[in-house]
Amino acid sequence: MKGLLRRSAVTLLEAVSRYPRIKRWLTGVVYRIPALDAGLRTAARRAAHPEARLDVDAAQLPEGSRRSFERMRTSSLR
């Protein structure tokens, strides 16, 4: 489902980018609706920068880094 939505969004953006007047009008409409603007910006940021997933072996870290890593891991689990 996500792939279908992403492909249709990309196709729509490519079509809009070919017509400067439509692009300018659509940008103006989006800017006037702050919730839509924020949602689109968040979606674009997530698509461009997916969350990194690291496999960290805490035993290989120095003591100070290990304590920080454990604090971050426990705070993210809450």
PDB file of N, CA and C in Angstrom:
ATOM      1  N   MET A   1       0.825  -1.190   0.000  1.00  0.00           N
ATOM      2  CA  MET A   1       0.000   0.000   0.000  1.00  0.00           C
ATOM      3  C   MET A   1       0.869   1.253   0.000  1.00  0.00           C
ATOM      4  N   LYS A   2       1.924   1.247   0.864  1.00  0.00           N
ATOM      5  CA  LYS A   2       2.798   2.414   0.917  1.00  0.00           C
ATOM      6  C   LYS A   2       3.476   2.656  -0.419  1.00  0.00           C
ATOM      7  N   GLY A   3       3.900   1.568  -1.069  1.00  0.00           N
ATOM      8  CA  GLY A   3       4.564   1.688  -2.362  1.00  0.00           C
ATOM      9  C   GLY A   3       3.664   2.315  -3.409  1.00  0.00           C
ATOM     10  N   LEU A   4       2.399   1.926  -3.400  1.00  0.00           N
ATOM     11  CA  LEU A   4       1.436   2.484  -4.346  1.00  0.00           C
ATOM     12  C   LEU A   4       1.240   3.977  -4.097  1.00  0.00           C
ATOM     13  N   LEU A   5       1.082   4.344  -2.834  1.00  0.00           N
ATOM     14  CA  LEU A   5       0.915   5.761  -2.505  1.00  0.00           C
ATOM     15  C   LEU A   5       2.161   6.566  -2.854  1.00  0.00           C
ATOM     16  N   ARG A   6       3.321   6.001  -2.571  1.00  0.00           N
ATOM     17  CA  ARG A   6       4.564   6.709  -2.860  1.00  0.00           C
ATOM     18  C   ARG A   6       4.731   6.908  -4.362  1.00  0.00           C
ATOM     19  N   ARG A   7       4.443   5.862  -5.147  1.00  0.00           N
ATOM     20  CA  ARG A   7       4.569   5.976  -6.606  1.00  0.00           C
ATOM     21  C   ARG A   7       3.594   6.998  -7.167  1.00  0.00           C
ATOM     22  N   SER A   8       2.365   6.998  -6.650  1.00  0.00           N
ATOM     23  CA  SER A   8       1.382   7.967  -7.153  1.00  0.00           C
ATOM     24  C   SER A   8       1.763   9.385  -6.741  1.00  0.00           C
ATOM     25  N   ALA A   9       2.329   9.540  -5.551  1.00  0.00           N
ATOM     26  CA  ALA A   9       2.769  10.867  -5.120  1.00  0.00           C
ATOM     27  C   ALA A   9       3.931  11.358  -5.977  1.00  0.00           C
ATOM     28  N   VAL A  10       4.856  10.488  -6.288  1.00  0.00           N
ATOM     29  CA  VAL A  10       5.991  10.859  -7.136  1.00  0.00           C
ATOM     30  C   VAL A  10       5.499  11.245  -8.525  1.00  0.00           C
ATOM     31  N   THR A  11       4.572  10.476  -9.072  1.00  0.00           N
ATOM     32  CA  THR A  11       4.015  10.781 -10.391  1.00  0.00           C
ATOM     33  C   THR A  11       3.303  12.125 -10.381  1.00  0.00           C
ATOM     34  N   LEU A  12       2.539  12.391  -9.331  1.00  0.00           N
ATOM     35  CA  LEU A  12       1.838  13.663  -9.200  1.00  0.00           C
ATOM     36  C   LEU A  12       2.821  14.821  -9.100  1.00  0.00           C
ATOM     37  N   LEU A  13       3.867  14.661  -8.298  1.00  0.00           N
ATOM     38  CA  LEU A  13       4.861  15.725  -8.158  1.00  0.00           C
ATOM     39  C   LEU A  13       5.597  15.984  -9.467  1.00  0.00           C
ATOM     40  N   GLU A  14       5.892  14.937 -10.214  1.00  0.00           N
ATOM     41  CA  GLU A  14       6.543  15.119 -11.513  1.00  0.00           C
ATOM     42  C   GLU A  14       5.633  15.872 -12.473  1.00  0.00           C
ATOM     43  N   ALA A  15       4.354  15.550 -12.460  1.00  0.00           N
ATOM     44  CA  ALA A  15       3.402  16.232 -13.335  1.00  0.00           C
ATOM     45  C   ALA A  15       3.264  17.706 -12.951  1.00  0.00           C
ATOM     46  N   VAL A  16       3.174  17.983 -11.665  1.00  0.00           N
ATOM     47  CA  VAL A  16       3.024  19.362 -11.197  1.00  0.00           C
ATOM     48  C   VAL A  16       4.276  20.174 -11.490  1.00  0.00           C
ATOM     49  N   SER A  17       5.442  19.546 -11.404  1.00  0.00           N
ATOM     50  CA  SER A  17       6.681  20.288 -11.636  1.00  0.00           C
ATOM     51  C   SER A  17       6.814  20.762 -13.084  1.00  0.00           C
ATOM     52  N   ARG A  18       6.073  20.144 -13.996  1.00  0.00           N
ATOM     53  CA  ARG A  18       6.110  20.565 -15.402  1.00  0.00           C
ATOM     54  C   ARG A  18       5.325  21.843 -15.653  1.00  0.00           C
ATOM     55  N   TYR A  19       4.443  22.209 -14.725  1.00  0.00           N
ATOM     56  CA  TYR A  19       3.583  23.378 -14.910  1.00  0.00           C
ATOM     57  C   TYR A  19       3.806  24.377 -13.768  1.00  0.00           C
ATOM     58  N   PRO A  20       4.611  25.411 -14.008  1.00  0.00           N
ATOM     59  CA  PRO A  20       4.952  26.368 -12.937  1.00  0.00           C
ATOM     60  C   PRO A  20       3.742  27.068 -12.302  1.00  0.00           C
ATOM     61  N   ARG A  21       2.738  27.389 -13.099  1.00  0.00           N
ATOM     62  CA  ARG A  21       1.549  28.065 -12.536  1.00  0.00           C
ATOM     63  C   ARG A  21       0.826  27.170 -11.546  1.00  0.00           C
ATOM     64  N   ILE A  22       0.637  25.910 -11.914  1.00  0.00           N
ATOM     65  CA  ILE A  22      -0.038  24.969 -11.014  1.00  0.00           C
ATOM     66  C   ILE A  22       0.805  24.761  -9.764  1.00  0.00           C
ATOM     67  N   LYS A  23       2.113  24.644  -9.944  1.00  0.00           N
ATOM     68  CA  LYS A  23       3.004  24.456  -8.803  1.00  0.00           C
ATOM     69  C   LYS A  23       2.922  25.652  -7.848  1.00  0.00           C
ATOM     70  N   ARG A  24       2.938  26.858  -8.389  1.00  0.00           N
ATOM     71  CA  ARG A  24       2.860  28.071  -7.566  1.00  0.00           C
ATOM     72  C   ARG A  24       1.525  28.135  -6.828  1.00  0.00           C
ATOM     73  N   TRP A  25       0.429  27.811  -7.526  1.00  0.00           N
ATOM     74  CA  TRP A  25      -0.889  27.836  -6.903  1.00  0.00           C
ATOM     75  C   TRP A  25      -0.995  26.789  -5.794  1.00  0.00           C
ATOM     76  N   LEU A  26      -0.534  25.586  -6.081  1.00  0.00           N
ATOM     77  CA  LEU A  26      -0.598  24.505  -5.102  1.00  0.00           C
ATOM     78  C   LEU A  26       0.262  24.812  -3.876  1.00  0.00           C
ATOM     79  N   THR A  27       1.442  25.388  -4.100  1.00  0.00           N
ATOM     80  CA  THR A  27       2.307  25.774  -2.985  1.00  0.00           C
ATOM     81  C   THR A  27       1.619  26.816  -2.115  1.00  0.00           C
ATOM     82  N   GLY A  28       0.958  27.782  -2.739  1.00  0.00           N
ATOM     83  CA  GLY A  28       0.219  28.797  -1.986  1.00  0.00           C
ATOM     84  C   GLY A  28      -0.892  28.201  -1.153  1.00  0.00           C
ATOM     85  N   VAL A  29      -1.605  27.236  -1.709  1.00  0.00           N
ATOM     86  CA  VAL A  29      -2.695  26.577  -0.977  1.00  0.00           C
ATOM     87  C   VAL A  29      -2.138  25.812   0.221  1.00  0.00           C
ATOM     88  N   VAL A  30      -1.061  25.081   0.008  1.00  0.00           N
ATOM     89  CA  VAL A  30      -0.475  24.286   1.096  1.00  0.00           C
ATOM     90  C   VAL A  30       0.032  25.190   2.206  1.00  0.00           C
ATOM     91  N   TYR A  31       0.654  26.313   1.860  1.00  0.00           N
ATOM     92  CA  TYR A  31       1.158  27.239   2.879  1.00  0.00           C
ATOM     93  C   TYR A  31       0.032  27.835   3.716  1.00  0.00           C
ATOM     94  N   ARG A  32      -1.152  27.939   3.160  1.00  0.00           N
ATOM     95  CA  ARG A  32      -2.281  28.512   3.909  1.00  0.00           C
ATOM     96  C   ARG A  32      -2.923  27.512   4.871  1.00  0.00           C
ATOM     97  N   ILE A  33      -2.543  26.246   4.776  1.00  0.00           N
ATOM     98  CA  ILE A  33      -3.077  25.206   5.663  1.00  0.00           C
ATOM     99  C   ILE A  33      -1.895  24.637   6.450  1.00  0.00           C
ATOM    100  N   PRO A  34      -1.607  25.225   7.633  1.00  0.00           N
ATOM    101  CA  PRO A  34      -0.408  24.833   8.385  1.00  0.00           C
ATOM    102  C   PRO A  34      -0.332  23.344   8.723  1.00  0.00           C
ATOM    103  N   ALA A  35      -1.434  22.713   9.042  1.00  0.00           N
ATOM    104  CA  ALA A  35      -1.397  21.286   9.395  1.00  0.00           C
ATOM    105  C   ALA A  35      -0.992  20.447   8.185  1.00  0.00           C
ATOM    106  N   LEU A  36      -1.505  20.789   7.023  1.00  0.00           N
ATOM    107  CA  LEU A  36      -1.143  20.074   5.801  1.00  0.00           C
ATOM    108  C   LEU A  36       0.325  20.309   5.452  1.00  0.00           C
ATOM    109  N   ASP A  37       0.759  21.555   5.593  1.00  0.00           N
ATOM    110  CA  ASP A  37       2.154  21.903   5.324  1.00  0.00           C
ATOM    111  C   ASP A  37       3.092  21.107   6.235  1.00  0.00           C
ATOM    112  N   ALA A  38       2.789  21.065   7.519  1.00  0.00           N
ATOM    113  CA  ALA A  38       3.628  20.333   8.470  1.00  0.00           C
ATOM    114  C   ALA A  38       3.613  18.840   8.170  1.00  0.00           C
ATOM    115  N   GLY A  39       2.454  18.301   7.848  1.00  0.00           N
ATOM    116  CA  GLY A  39       2.356  16.880   7.538  1.00  0.00           C
ATOM    117  C   GLY A  39       3.150  16.495   6.293  1.00  0.00           C
ATOM    118  N   LEU A  40       3.068  17.332   5.269  1.00  0.00           N
ATOM    119  CA  LEU A  40       3.822  17.055   4.040  1.00  0.00           C
ATOM    120  C   LEU A  40       5.320  17.170   4.265  1.00  0.00           C
ATOM    121  N   ARG A  41       5.725  18.159   5.051  1.00  0.00           N
ATOM    122  CA  ARG A  41       7.152  18.309   5.351  1.00  0.00           C
ATOM    123  C   ARG A  41       7.674  17.110   6.151  1.00  0.00           C
ATOM    124  N   THR A  42       6.887  16.650   7.116  1.00  0.00           N
ATOM    125  CA  THR A  42       7.278  15.487   7.913  1.00  0.00           C
ATOM    126  C   THR A  42       7.384  14.241   7.038  1.00  0.00           C
ATOM    127  N   ALA A  43       6.410  14.051   6.163  1.00  0.00           N
ATOM    128  CA  ALA A  43       6.441  12.886   5.268  1.00  0.00           C
ATOM    129  C   ALA A  43       7.655  12.938   4.341  1.00  0.00           C
ATOM    130  N   ALA A  44       7.968  14.120   3.838  1.00  0.00           N
ATOM    131  CA  ALA A  44       9.126  14.262   2.951  1.00  0.00           C
ATOM    132  C   ALA A  44      10.421  13.989   3.703  1.00  0.00           C
ATOM    133  N   ARG A  45      10.497  14.485   4.930  1.00  0.00           N
ATOM    134  CA  ARG A  45      11.708  14.266   5.730  1.00  0.00           C
ATOM    135  C   ARG A  45      11.887  12.780   6.044  1.00  0.00           C
ATOM    136  N   ARG A  46      10.803  12.101   6.380  1.00  0.00           N
ATOM    137  CA  ARG A  46      10.889  10.668   6.681  1.00  0.00           C
ATOM    138  C   ARG A  46      11.272   9.865   5.442  1.00  0.00           C
ATOM    139  N   ALA A  47      10.780  10.267   4.293  1.00  0.00           N
ATOM    140  CA  ALA A  47      11.113   9.550   3.064  1.00  0.00           C
ATOM    141  C   ALA A  47      12.576   9.764   2.684  1.00  0.00           C
ATOM    142  N   ALA A  48      13.065  10.986   2.928  1.00  0.00           N
ATOM    143  CA  ALA A  48      14.444  11.304   2.555  1.00  0.00           C
ATOM    144  C   ALA A  48      15.449  10.767   3.564  1.00  0.00           C
ATOM    145  N   HIS A  49      15.059  10.696   4.833  1.00  0.00           N
ATOM    146  CA  HIS A  49      15.971  10.274   5.893  1.00  0.00           C
ATOM    147  C   HIS A  49      15.309   9.214   6.764  1.00  0.00           C
ATOM    148  N   PRO A  50      15.263   7.985   6.291  1.00  0.00           N
ATOM    149  CA  PRO A  50      14.640   6.940   7.120  1.00  0.00           C
ATOM    150  C   PRO A  50      15.433   6.736   8.409  1.00  0.00           C
ATOM    151  N   GLU A  51      14.741   6.308   9.427  1.00  0.00           N
ATOM    152  CA  GLU A  51      15.356   6.116  10.744  1.00  0.00           C
ATOM    153  C   GLU A  51      16.484   5.085  10.650  1.00  0.00           C
ATOM    154  N   ALA A  52      17.612   5.448  11.191  1.00  0.00           N
ATOM    155  CA  ALA A  52      18.766   4.544  11.169  1.00  0.00           C
ATOM    156  C   ALA A  52      18.574   3.438  12.198  1.00  0.00           C
ATOM    157  N   ARG A  53      18.938   2.255  11.826  1.00  0.00           N
ATOM    158  CA  ARG A  53      18.875   1.117  12.741  1.00  0.00           C
ATOM    159  C   ARG A  53      20.288   0.579  12.880  1.00  0.00           C
ATOM    160  N   LEU A  54      20.810   0.693  14.082  1.00  0.00           N
ATOM    161  CA  LEU A  54      22.181   0.266  14.333  1.00  0.00           C
ATOM    162  C   LEU A  54      22.191  -0.934  15.251  1.00  0.00           C
ATOM    163  N   ASP A  55      23.063  -1.842  14.973  1.00  0.00           N
ATOM    164  CA  ASP A  55      23.292  -2.990  15.838  1.00  0.00           C
ATOM    165  C   ASP A  55      24.575  -2.702  16.608  1.00  0.00           C
ATOM    166  N   VAL A  56      24.437  -2.230  17.834  1.00  0.00           N
ATOM    167  CA  VAL A  56      25.594  -1.824  18.618  1.00  0.00           C
ATOM    168  C   VAL A  56      25.855  -2.860  19.702  1.00  0.00           C
ATOM    169  N   ASP A  57      27.089  -3.294  19.782  1.00  0.00           N
ATOM    170  CA  ASP A  57      27.502  -4.192  20.853  1.00  0.00           C
ATOM    171  C   ASP A  57      28.066  -3.330  21.979  1.00  0.00           C
ATOM    172  N   ALA A  58      27.295  -3.164  23.040  1.00  0.00           N
ATOM    173  CA  ALA A  58      27.692  -2.277  24.135  1.00  0.00           C
ATOM    174  C   ALA A  58      28.988  -2.725  24.798  1.00  0.00           C
ATOM    175  N   ALA A  59      29.306  -3.984  24.729  1.00  0.00           N
ATOM    176  CA  ALA A  59      30.536  -4.486  25.350  1.00  0.00           C
ATOM    177  C   ALA A  59      31.778  -3.938  24.651  1.00  0.00           C
ATOM    178  N   GLN A  60      31.660  -3.534  23.413  1.00  0.00           N
ATOM    179  CA  GLN A  60      32.799  -3.016  22.657  1.00  0.00           C
ATOM    180  C   GLN A  60      33.009  -1.510  22.850  1.00  0.00           C
ATOM    181  N   LEU A  61      32.071  -0.852  23.533  1.00  0.00           N
ATOM    182  CA  LEU A  61      32.167   0.600  23.732  1.00  0.00           C
ATOM    183  C   LEU A  61      32.998   0.934  24.964  1.00  0.00           C
ATOM    184  N   PRO A  62      33.634   2.119  24.965  1.00  0.00           N
ATOM    185  CA  PRO A  62      34.300   2.582  26.188  1.00  0.00           C
ATOM    186  C   PRO A  62      33.265   2.812  27.296  1.00  0.00           C
ATOM    187  N   GLU A  63      33.730   2.867  28.542  1.00  0.00           N
ATOM    188  CA  GLU A  63      32.829   2.951  29.702  1.00  0.00           C
ATOM    189  C   GLU A  63      31.869   4.146  29.621  1.00  0.00           C
ATOM    190  N   GLY A  64      32.378   5.330  29.330  1.00  0.00           N
ATOM    191  CA  GLY A  64      31.514   6.517  29.260  1.00  0.00           C
ATOM    192  C   GLY A  64      30.470   6.389  28.163  1.00  0.00           C
ATOM    193  N   SER A  65      30.886   5.881  27.014  1.00  0.00           N
ATOM    194  CA  SER A  65      29.957   5.697  25.899  1.00  0.00           C
ATOM    195  C   SER A  65      28.925   4.632  26.220  1.00  0.00           C
ATOM    196  N   ARG A  66      29.343   3.600  26.919  1.00  0.00           N
ATOM    197  CA  ARG A  66      28.420   2.519  27.280  1.00  0.00           C
ATOM    198  C   ARG A  66      27.318   3.033  28.201  1.00  0.00           C
ATOM    199  N   ARG A  67      27.688   3.877  29.176  1.00  0.00           N
ATOM    200  CA  ARG A  67      26.669   4.437  30.088  1.00  0.00           C
ATOM    201  C   ARG A  67      25.690   5.308  29.302  1.00  0.00           C
ATOM    202  N   SER A  68      26.215   6.141  28.419  1.00  0.00           N
ATOM    203  CA  SER A  68      25.340   6.999  27.600  1.00  0.00           C
ATOM    204  C   SER A  68      24.425   6.165  26.720  1.00  0.00           C
ATOM    205  N   PHE A  69      24.980   5.123  26.118  1.00  0.00           N
ATOM    206  CA  PHE A  69      24.197   4.246  25.260  1.00  0.00           C
ATOM    207  C   PHE A  69      23.069   3.583  26.043  1.00  0.00           C
ATOM    208  N   GLU A  70      23.360   3.107  27.233  1.00  0.00           N
ATOM    209  CA  GLU A  70      22.336   2.470  28.059  1.00  0.00           C
ATOM    210  C   GLU A  70      21.241   3.478  28.451  1.00  0.00           C
ATOM    211  N   ARG A  71      21.633   4.704  28.780  1.00  0.00           N
ATOM    212  CA  ARG A  71      20.627   5.740  29.118  1.00  0.00           C
ATOM    213  C   ARG A  71      19.734   6.026  27.915  1.00  0.00           C
ATOM    214  N   MET A  72      20.318   6.157  26.730  1.00  0.00           N
ATOM    215  CA  MET A  72      19.521   6.430  25.541  1.00  0.00           C
ATOM    216  C   MET A  72      18.582   5.268  25.229  1.00  0.00           C
ATOM    217  N   ARG A  73      19.090   4.055  25.361  1.00  0.00           N
ATOM    218  CA  ARG A  73      18.277   2.879  25.066  1.00  0.00           C
ATOM    219  C   ARG A  73      17.112   2.751  26.041  1.00  0.00           C
ATOM    220  N   THR A  74      17.354   2.992  27.325  1.00  0.00           N
ATOM    221  CA  THR A  74      16.244   2.884  28.297  1.00  0.00           C
ATOM    222  C   THR A  74      15.245   4.015  28.126  1.00  0.00           C
ATOM    223  N   SER A  75      15.715   5.210  27.753  1.00  0.00           N
ATOM    224  CA  SER A  75      14.758   6.324  27.567  1.00  0.00           C
ATOM    225  C   SER A  75      13.930   6.119  26.307  1.00  0.00           C
ATOM    226  N   SER A  76      14.451   5.444  25.294  1.00  0.00           N
ATOM    227  CA  SER A  76      13.688   5.226  24.069  1.00  0.00           C
ATOM    228  C   SER A  76      12.656   4.116  24.253  1.00  0.00           C
ATOM    229  N   LEU A  77      12.825   3.273  25.257  1.00  0.00           N
ATOM    230  CA  LEU A  77      11.876   2.189  25.502  1.00  0.00           C
ATOM    231  C   LEU A  77      10.645   2.659  26.250  1.00  0.00           C
ATOM    232  N   ARG A  78      10.693   3.824  26.831  1.00  0.00           N
ATOM    233  CA  ARG A  78       9.546   4.327  27.607  1.00  0.00           C
ATOM    234  C   ARG A  78       8.442   4.809  26.731  1.00  0.00           C
TER     235      ARG A  78
END
